[in-house]
Each structure stands twice: as C-alpha cells, then as structure tokens.
PDB file of all heavy atoms in Angstrom:
ATOM      1  N   MET A   1       0.808  -1.214  -0.025  1.00  0.00           N
ATOM      2  CA  MET A   1      -0.009  -0.014   0.008  1.00  0.00           C
ATOM      3  C   MET A   1       0.878   1.226   0.010  1.00  0.00           C
ATOM      4  O   MET A   1       0.499   2.316  -0.544  1.00  0.00           O
ATOM      5  CB  MET A   1      -0.962  -0.009   1.198  1.00  0.00           C
ATOM      6  CG  MET A   1      -1.996  -1.033   1.154  1.00  0.00           C
ATOM      7  SD  MET A   1      -3.079  -0.894  -0.316  1.00  0.00           S
ATOM      8  CE  MET A   1      -3.958   0.633   0.054  1.00  0.00           C
ATOM      9  N   ASP A   2       2.085   1.153   0.566  1.00  0.00           N
ATOM     10  CA  ASP A   2       2.984   2.319   0.622  1.00  0.00           C
ATOM     11  C   ASP A   2       3.949   2.333  -0.554  1.00  0.00           C
ATOM     12  O   ASP A   2       4.407   3.395  -0.944  1.00  0.00           O
ATOM     13  CB  ASP A   2       3.772   2.318   1.930  1.00  0.00           C
ATOM     14  CG  ASP A   2       2.916   2.562   3.164  1.00  0.00           C
ATOM     15  OD1 ASP A   2       1.864   3.201   3.019  1.00  0.00           O
ATOM     16  OD2 ASP A   2       3.328   2.101   4.261  1.00  0.00           O
ATOM     17  N   VAL A   3       4.236   1.182  -1.134  1.00  0.00           N
ATOM     18  CA  VAL A   3       5.226   1.046  -2.147  1.00  0.00           C
ATOM     19  C   VAL A   3       4.641   1.383  -3.534  1.00  0.00           C
ATOM     20  O   VAL A   3       5.305   2.102  -4.337  1.00  0.00           O
ATOM     21  CB  VAL A   3       5.814  -0.362  -2.200  1.00  0.00           C
ATOM     22  CG1 VAL A   3       6.684  -0.619  -3.443  1.00  0.00           C
ATOM     23  CG2 VAL A   3       6.618  -0.654  -0.915  1.00  0.00           C
ATOM     24  N   LEU A   4       3.463   0.950  -3.814  1.00  0.00           N
ATOM     25  CA  LEU A   4       2.834   1.153  -5.150  1.00  0.00           C
ATOM     26  C   LEU A   4       2.221   2.490  -5.307  1.00  0.00           C
ATOM     27  O   LEU A   4       1.625   3.050  -4.333  1.00  0.00           O
ATOM     28  CB  LEU A   4       1.734   0.088  -5.390  1.00  0.00           C
ATOM     29  CG  LEU A   4       2.206  -1.368  -5.405  1.00  0.00           C
ATOM     30  CD1 LEU A   4       1.046  -2.276  -5.583  1.00  0.00           C
ATOM     31  CD2 LEU A   4       3.242  -1.621  -6.517  1.00  0.00           C
ATOM     32  N   SER A   5       2.364   3.097  -6.420  1.00  0.00           N
ATOM     33  CA  SER A   5       1.720   4.408  -6.707  1.00  0.00           C
ATOM     34  C   SER A   5       0.190   4.131  -6.927  1.00  0.00           C
ATOM     35  O   SER A   5      -0.225   3.008  -7.041  1.00  0.00           O
ATOM     36  CB  SER A   5       2.278   5.024  -8.010  1.00  0.00           C
ATOM     37  OG  SER A   5       1.863   4.260  -9.135  1.00  0.00           O
ATOM     38  N   GLY A   6      -0.583   5.184  -6.940  1.00  0.00           N
ATOM     39  CA  GLY A   6      -2.001   5.072  -7.131  1.00  0.00           C
ATOM     40  C   GLY A   6      -2.319   4.369  -8.444  1.00  0.00           C
ATOM     41  O   GLY A   6      -3.140   3.489  -8.511  1.00  0.00           O
ATOM     42  N   GLY A   7      -1.583   4.761  -9.522  1.00  0.00           N
ATOM     43  CA  GLY A   7      -1.827   4.171 -10.827  1.00  0.00           C
ATOM     44  C   GLY A   7      -1.442   2.707 -10.886  1.00  0.00           C
ATOM     45  O   GLY A   7      -2.098   1.894 -11.504  1.00  0.00           O
ATOM     46  N   GLU A   8      -0.334   2.361 -10.196  1.00  0.00           N
ATOM     47  CA  GLU A   8       0.070   0.925 -10.141  1.00  0.00           C
ATOM     48  C   GLU A   8      -0.985   0.119  -9.363  1.00  0.00           C
ATOM     49  O   GLU A   8      -1.251  -1.020  -9.805  1.00  0.00           O
ATOM     50  CB  GLU A   8       1.415   0.799  -9.435  1.00  0.00           C
ATOM     51  CG  GLU A   8       2.580   1.359 -10.258  1.00  0.00           C
ATOM     52  CD  GLU A   8       3.860   1.493  -9.505  1.00  0.00           C
ATOM     53  OE1 GLU A   8       3.884   1.524  -8.284  1.00  0.00           O
ATOM     54  OE2 GLU A   8       4.911   1.544 -10.200  1.00  0.00           O
ATOM     55  N   LYS A   9      -1.512   0.628  -8.307  1.00  0.00           N
ATOM     56  CA  LYS A   9      -2.575  -0.057  -7.591  1.00  0.00           C
ATOM     57  C   LYS A   9      -3.763  -0.279  -8.499  1.00  0.00           C
ATOM     58  O   LYS A   9      -4.400  -1.367  -8.487  1.00  0.00           O
ATOM     59  CB  LYS A   9      -2.985   0.682  -6.317  1.00  0.00           C
ATOM     60  CG  LYS A   9      -1.936   0.744  -5.260  1.00  0.00           C
ATOM     61  CD  LYS A   9      -2.354   1.660  -4.151  1.00  0.00           C
ATOM     62  CE  LYS A   9      -1.193   1.972  -3.189  1.00  0.00           C
ATOM     63  NZ  LYS A   9      -1.546   2.978  -2.231  1.00  0.00           N
ATOM     64  N   GLN A  10      -4.137   0.737  -9.230  1.00  0.00           N
ATOM     65  CA  GLN A  10      -5.308   0.576 -10.117  1.00  0.00           C
ATOM     66  C   GLN A  10      -5.060  -0.423 -11.238  1.00  0.00           C
ATOM     67  O   GLN A  10      -5.934  -1.253 -11.495  1.00  0.00           O
ATOM     68  CB  GLN A  10      -5.647   1.957 -10.702  1.00  0.00           C
ATOM     69  CG  GLN A  10      -6.261   2.847  -9.701  1.00  0.00           C
ATOM     70  CD  GLN A  10      -6.564   4.253 -10.234  1.00  0.00           C
ATOM     71  OE1 GLN A  10      -5.905   4.748 -11.154  1.00  0.00           O
ATOM     72  NE2 GLN A  10      -7.604   4.866  -9.713  1.00  0.00           N
ATOM     73  N   ARG A  11      -3.908  -0.435 -11.790  1.00  0.00           N
ATOM     74  CA  ARG A  11      -3.575  -1.425 -12.909  1.00  0.00           C
ATOM     75  C   ARG A  11      -3.504  -2.810 -12.261  1.00  0.00           C
ATOM     76  O   ARG A  11      -3.959  -3.785 -12.928  1.00  0.00           O
ATOM     77  CB  ARG A  11      -2.243  -1.051 -13.532  1.00  0.00           C
ATOM     78  CG  ARG A  11      -2.449   0.176 -14.426  1.00  0.00           C
ATOM     79  CD  ARG A  11      -1.185   0.461 -15.265  1.00  0.00           C
ATOM     80  NE  ARG A  11      -0.098   0.936 -14.370  1.00  0.00           N
ATOM     81  CZ  ARG A  11       0.219   2.200 -14.266  1.00  0.00           C
ATOM     82  NH1 ARG A  11      -0.401   3.100 -14.986  1.00  0.00           N
ATOM     83  NH2 ARG A  11       1.248   2.580 -13.495  1.00  0.00           N
ATOM     84  N   LEU A  12      -3.025  -2.996 -11.054  1.00  0.00           N
ATOM     85  CA  LEU A  12      -2.986  -4.295 -10.426  1.00  0.00           C
ATOM     86  C   LEU A  12      -4.425  -4.809 -10.178  1.00  0.00           C
ATOM     87  O   LEU A  12      -4.689  -5.957 -10.379  1.00  0.00           O
ATOM     88  CB  LEU A  12      -2.231  -4.191  -9.095  1.00  0.00           C
ATOM     89  CG  LEU A  12      -1.979  -5.523  -8.375  1.00  0.00           C
ATOM     90  CD1 LEU A  12      -1.239  -6.517  -9.234  1.00  0.00           C
ATOM     91  CD2 LEU A  12      -1.243  -5.219  -7.057  1.00  0.00           C
ATOM     92  N   GLU A  13      -5.313  -3.941  -9.754  1.00  0.00           N
ATOM     93  CA  GLU A  13      -6.694  -4.309  -9.540  1.00  0.00           C
ATOM     94  C   GLU A  13      -7.335  -4.756 -10.864  1.00  0.00           C
ATOM     95  O   GLU A  13      -8.093  -5.750 -10.938  1.00  0.00           O
ATOM     96  CB  GLU A  13      -7.494  -3.177  -8.931  1.00  0.00           C
ATOM     97  CG  GLU A  13      -8.925  -3.560  -8.576  1.00  0.00           C
ATOM     98  CD  GLU A  13      -9.023  -4.707  -7.607  1.00  0.00           C
ATOM     99  OE1 GLU A  13      -8.138  -4.896  -6.749  1.00  0.00           O
ATOM    100  OE2 GLU A  13     -10.016  -5.461  -7.693  1.00  0.00           O
ATOM    101  N   LEU A  14      -7.081  -4.042 -11.959  1.00  0.00           N
ATOM    102  CA  LEU A  14      -7.617  -4.479 -13.219  1.00  0.00           C
ATOM    103  C   LEU A  14      -7.072  -5.818 -13.643  1.00  0.00           C
ATOM    104  O   LEU A  14      -7.815  -6.634 -14.217  1.00  0.00           O
ATOM    105  CB  LEU A  14      -7.234  -3.382 -14.313  1.00  0.00           C
ATOM    106  CG  LEU A  14      -7.965  -2.026 -14.086  1.00  0.00           C
ATOM    107  CD1 LEU A  14      -7.386  -1.024 -15.069  1.00  0.00           C
ATOM    108  CD2 LEU A  14      -9.428  -2.130 -14.231  1.00  0.00           C
ATOM    109  N   ALA A  15      -5.810  -6.104 -13.341  1.00  0.00           N
ATOM    110  CA  ALA A  15      -5.252  -7.412 -13.651  1.00  0.00           C
ATOM    111  C   ALA A  15      -5.974  -8.514 -12.862  1.00  0.00           C
ATOM    112  O   ALA A  15      -6.252  -9.628 -13.393  1.00  0.00           O
ATOM    113  CB  ALA A  15      -3.761  -7.443 -13.380  1.00  0.00           C
ATOM    114  N   ARG A  16      -6.307  -8.206 -11.598  1.00  0.00           N
ATOM    115  CA  ARG A  16      -7.050  -9.190 -10.825  1.00  0.00           C
ATOM    116  C   ARG A  16      -8.369  -9.534 -11.429  1.00  0.00           C
ATOM    117  O   ARG A  16      -8.839 -10.682 -11.392  1.00  0.00           O
ATOM    118  CB  ARG A  16      -7.263  -8.654  -9.384  1.00  0.00           C
ATOM    119  CG  ARG A  16      -5.963  -8.591  -8.571  1.00  0.00           C
ATOM    120  CD  ARG A  16      -6.209  -8.062  -7.163  1.00  0.00           C
ATOM    121  NE  ARG A  16      -7.049  -9.007  -6.449  1.00  0.00           N
ATOM    122  CZ  ARG A  16      -7.977  -8.678  -5.566  1.00  0.00           C
ATOM    123  NH1 ARG A  16      -8.187  -7.358  -5.274  1.00  0.00           N
ATOM    124  NH2 ARG A  16      -8.678  -9.561  -4.915  1.00  0.00           N
ATOM    125  N   ILE A  17      -9.059  -8.540 -12.011  1.00  0.00           N
ATOM    126  CA  ILE A  17     -10.318  -8.781 -12.631  1.00  0.00           C
ATOM    127  C   ILE A  17     -10.195  -9.705 -13.809  1.00  0.00           C
ATOM    128  O   ILE A  17     -11.001 -10.592 -13.995  1.00  0.00           O
ATOM    129  CB  ILE A  17     -10.954  -7.411 -13.066  1.00  0.00           C
ATOM    130  CG1 ILE A  17     -11.355  -6.628 -11.797  1.00  0.00           C
ATOM    131  CG2 ILE A  17     -12.144  -7.675 -13.980  1.00  0.00           C
ATOM    132  CD1 ILE A  17     -11.616  -5.174 -12.102  1.00  0.00           C
ATOM    133  N   LEU A  18      -9.118  -9.543 -14.615  1.00  0.00           N
ATOM    134  CA  LEU A  18      -8.890 -10.377 -15.752  1.00  0.00           C
ATOM    135  C   LEU A  18      -8.712 -11.850 -15.275  1.00  0.00           C
ATOM    136  O   LEU A  18      -9.125 -12.741 -15.985  1.00  0.00           O
ATOM    137  CB  LEU A  18      -7.624  -9.934 -16.502  1.00  0.00           C
ATOM    138  CG  LEU A  18      -7.694  -8.551 -17.161  1.00  0.00           C
ATOM    139  CD1 LEU A  18      -6.361  -8.195 -17.783  1.00  0.00           C
ATOM    140  CD2 LEU A  18      -8.763  -8.508 -18.214  1.00  0.00           C
ATOM    141  N   ILE A  19      -8.101 -12.027 -14.190  1.00  0.00           N
ATOM    142  CA  ILE A  19      -7.814 -13.375 -13.665  1.00  0.00           C
ATOM    143  C   ILE A  19      -9.094 -14.002 -13.006  1.00  0.00           C
ATOM    144  O   ILE A  19      -9.420 -15.163 -13.276  1.00  0.00           O
ATOM    145  CB  ILE A  19      -6.644 -13.358 -12.659  1.00  0.00           C
ATOM    146  CG1 ILE A  19      -5.352 -13.020 -13.395  1.00  0.00           C
ATOM    147  CG2 ILE A  19      -6.530 -14.700 -11.961  1.00  0.00           C
ATOM    148  CD1 ILE A  19      -4.239 -12.670 -12.470  1.00  0.00           C
ATOM    149  N   ARG A  20      -9.812 -13.218 -12.242  1.00  0.00           N
ATOM    150  CA  ARG A  20     -10.964 -13.776 -11.450  1.00  0.00           C
ATOM    151  C   ARG A  20     -12.245 -13.892 -12.179  1.00  0.00           C
ATOM    152  O   ARG A  20     -13.084 -14.721 -11.848  1.00  0.00           O
ATOM    153  CB  ARG A  20     -11.122 -12.948 -10.207  1.00  0.00           C
ATOM    154  CG  ARG A  20      -9.916 -13.034  -9.294  1.00  0.00           C
ATOM    155  CD  ARG A  20     -10.190 -12.447  -7.994  1.00  0.00           C
ATOM    156  NE  ARG A  20     -11.241 -13.178  -7.422  1.00  0.00           N
ATOM    157  CZ  ARG A  20     -11.421 -13.311  -6.054  1.00  0.00           C
ATOM    158  NH1 ARG A  20     -10.599 -12.692  -5.274  1.00  0.00           N
ATOM    159  NH2 ARG A  20     -12.458 -13.929  -5.592  1.00  0.00           N
ATOM    160  N   ARG A  21     -12.478 -13.021 -13.204  1.00  0.00           N
ATOM    161  CA  ARG A  21     -13.686 -13.000 -13.986  1.00  0.00           C
ATOM    162  C   ARG A  21     -14.963 -13.059 -13.123  1.00  0.00           C
ATOM    163  O   ARG A  21     -15.718 -14.032 -13.168  1.00  0.00           O
ATOM    164  CB  ARG A  21     -13.696 -14.063 -15.006  1.00  0.00           C
ATOM    165  CG  ARG A  21     -12.648 -13.893 -16.043  1.00  0.00           C
ATOM    166  CD  ARG A  21     -12.838 -14.838 -17.186  1.00  0.00           C
ATOM    167  NE  ARG A  21     -11.752 -14.616 -18.170  1.00  0.00           N
ATOM    168  CZ  ARG A  21     -11.671 -15.338 -19.244  1.00  0.00           C
ATOM    169  NH1 ARG A  21     -12.463 -16.345 -19.489  1.00  0.00           N
ATOM    170  NH2 ARG A  21     -10.672 -15.064 -20.071  1.00  0.00           N
ATOM    171  N   PRO A  22     -15.233 -11.998 -12.343  1.00  0.00           N
ATOM    172  CA  PRO A  22     -16.423 -11.968 -11.522  1.00  0.00           C
ATOM    173  C   PRO A  22     -17.667 -11.854 -12.384  1.00  0.00           C
ATOM    174  O   PRO A  22     -17.641 -11.526 -13.532  1.00  0.00           O
ATOM    175  CB  PRO A  22     -16.221 -10.795 -10.661  1.00  0.00           C
ATOM    176  CG  PRO A  22     -15.435  -9.872 -11.540  1.00  0.00           C
ATOM    177  CD  PRO A  22     -14.466 -10.737 -12.295  1.00  0.00           C
ATOM    178  N   GLU A  23     -18.842 -12.158 -11.704  1.00  0.00           N
ATOM    179  CA  GLU A  23     -20.132 -12.008 -12.377  1.00  0.00           C
ATOM    180  C   GLU A  23     -20.522 -10.521 -12.621  1.00  0.00           C
ATOM    181  O   GLU A  23     -21.152 -10.135 -13.570  1.00  0.00           O
ATOM    182  CB  GLU A  23     -21.220 -12.674 -11.635  1.00  0.00           C
ATOM    183  CG  GLU A  23     -21.111 -14.221 -11.645  1.00  0.00           C
ATOM    184  CD  GLU A  23     -22.241 -14.821 -10.878  1.00  0.00           C
ATOM    185  OE1 GLU A  23     -23.405 -14.417 -11.062  1.00  0.00           O
ATOM    186  OE2 GLU A  23     -22.010 -15.745 -10.123  1.00  0.00           O
ATOM    187  N   PHE A  24     -20.152  -9.709 -11.640  1.00  0.00           N
ATOM    188  CA  PHE A  24     -20.443  -8.240 -11.730  1.00  0.00           C
ATOM    189  C   PHE A  24     -19.296  -7.509 -11.027  1.00  0.00           C
ATOM    190  O   PHE A  24     -18.566  -8.050 -10.211  1.00  0.00           O
ATOM    191  CB  PHE A  24     -21.761  -7.918 -11.110  1.00  0.00           C
ATOM    192  CG  PHE A  24     -21.842  -8.137  -9.629  1.00  0.00           C
ATOM    193  CD1 PHE A  24     -21.499  -7.221  -8.719  1.00  0.00           C
ATOM    194  CD2 PHE A  24     -22.262  -9.395  -9.166  1.00  0.00           C
ATOM    195  CE1 PHE A  24     -21.558  -7.467  -7.321  1.00  0.00           C
ATOM    196  CE2 PHE A  24     -22.325  -9.660  -7.790  1.00  0.00           C
ATOM    197  CZ  PHE A  24     -21.994  -8.681  -6.870  1.00  0.00           C
ATOM    198  N   ILE A  25     -19.192  -6.259 -11.434  1.00  0.00           N
ATOM    199  CA  ILE A  25     -18.119  -5.450 -10.863  1.00  0.00           C
ATOM    200  C   ILE A  25     -18.543  -3.991 -10.805  1.00  0.00           C
ATOM    201  O   ILE A  25     -19.302  -3.533 -11.645  1.00  0.00           O
ATOM    202  CB  ILE A  25     -16.834  -5.589 -11.634  1.00  0.00           C
ATOM    203  CG1 ILE A  25     -15.670  -4.948 -10.936  1.00  0.00           C
ATOM    204  CG2 ILE A  25     -16.979  -5.107 -13.051  1.00  0.00           C
ATOM    205  CD1 ILE A  25     -14.335  -5.398 -11.375  1.00  0.00           C
ATOM    206  N   ILE A  26     -18.183  -3.287  -9.768  1.00  0.00           N
ATOM    207  CA  ILE A  26     -18.402  -1.874  -9.616  1.00  0.00           C
ATOM    208  C   ILE A  26     -17.035  -1.200  -9.521  1.00  0.00           C
ATOM    209  O   ILE A  26     -16.297  -1.471  -8.642  1.00  0.00           O
ATOM    210  CB  ILE A  26     -19.248  -1.550  -8.344  1.00  0.00           C
ATOM    211  CG1 ILE A  26     -20.589  -2.258  -8.456  1.00  0.00           C
ATOM    212  CG2 ILE A  26     -19.406  -0.024  -8.204  1.00  0.00           C
ATOM    213  CD1 ILE A  26     -21.409  -2.158  -7.188  1.00  0.00           C
ATOM    214  N   PHE A  27     -16.788  -0.261 -10.440  1.00  0.00           N
ATOM    215  CA  PHE A  27     -15.578   0.510 -10.449  1.00  0.00           C
ATOM    216  C   PHE A  27     -15.930   1.941  -9.969  1.00  0.00           C
ATOM    217  O   PHE A  27     -16.830   2.574 -10.421  1.00  0.00           O
ATOM    218  CB  PHE A  27     -15.059   0.687 -11.892  1.00  0.00           C
ATOM    219  CG  PHE A  27     -14.483  -0.548 -12.486  1.00  0.00           C
ATOM    220  CD1 PHE A  27     -15.163  -1.205 -13.486  1.00  0.00           C
ATOM    221  CD2 PHE A  27     -13.238  -1.006 -12.110  1.00  0.00           C
ATOM    222  CE1 PHE A  27     -14.629  -2.356 -14.062  1.00  0.00           C
ATOM    223  CE2 PHE A  27     -12.705  -2.117 -12.697  1.00  0.00           C
ATOM    224  CZ  PHE A  27     -13.400  -2.772 -13.698  1.00  0.00           C
ATOM    225  N   ASP A  28     -15.144   2.451  -9.042  1.00  0.00           N
ATOM    226  CA  ASP A  28     -15.341   3.820  -8.602  1.00  0.00           C
ATOM    227  C   ASP A  28     -14.046   4.568  -9.037  1.00  0.00           C
ATOM    228  O   ASP A  28     -12.972   4.433  -8.381  1.00  0.00           O
ATOM    229  CB  ASP A  28     -15.497   3.870  -7.079  1.00  0.00           C
ATOM    230  CG  ASP A  28     -15.734   5.297  -6.586  1.00  0.00           C
ATOM    231  OD1 ASP A  28     -15.862   6.196  -7.397  1.00  0.00           O
ATOM    232  OD2 ASP A  28     -15.818   5.487  -5.357  1.00  0.00           O
TER     233      ASP A  28
END
C-alpha cells in the first residue's frame, strides 16, 4: 500500500479482474 503508486494499484486491480472474472463489478 505504501510502495505502489495510485496508478500501479489501479492497474493491479484491473489485472485481478482479468484473472478472477467476476459475475459483476463496480468501479469507482
């Protein structure tokens, strides 16, 4: 949480979505 920049955290979260393939998702 301290090492990654905001953009890196967001890109990592998008990668998690690609892997997990949830039924629904809410992006804020």
